[in-house]
Structures are given as C-alpha cells and as structure tokens.
Amino acid sequence: MLDNVRIIRLSPDYLIKNFDCGDDGLNDYFHKDSFEYLSRLLSVT
C-alpha cells in the first residue's frame, strides 16, 4: 500500500519547489518555513 512512499530528511540543498499536496497551509510550510525552522534548530522536516 505504501510502495510509492519515500521518507527522507529535508536538508538545505534539497529542492522541494515542485511539492504540492493540495493543502495551501502545508505547501506554504514546506516552501517557506521548513528551511528556516531547520536552520534555527526548531524542527526537522
């Protein structure tokens, strides 16, 4: 059932510009906030 799922740890050099899950709030988090939170050691995505 989850054969097409890949779980990876987001890193600053990883490109996620094509990410779109259909949820504007989650898309905004991935595109805008996730890298800032990572650099501030607040979260790992």
Foldseek 3Di string as FASTA:
>chain_A
DCPPDDDDKDDPVDDDPVDDPPDVVVVCCVVPPQHVCVVVVNDID
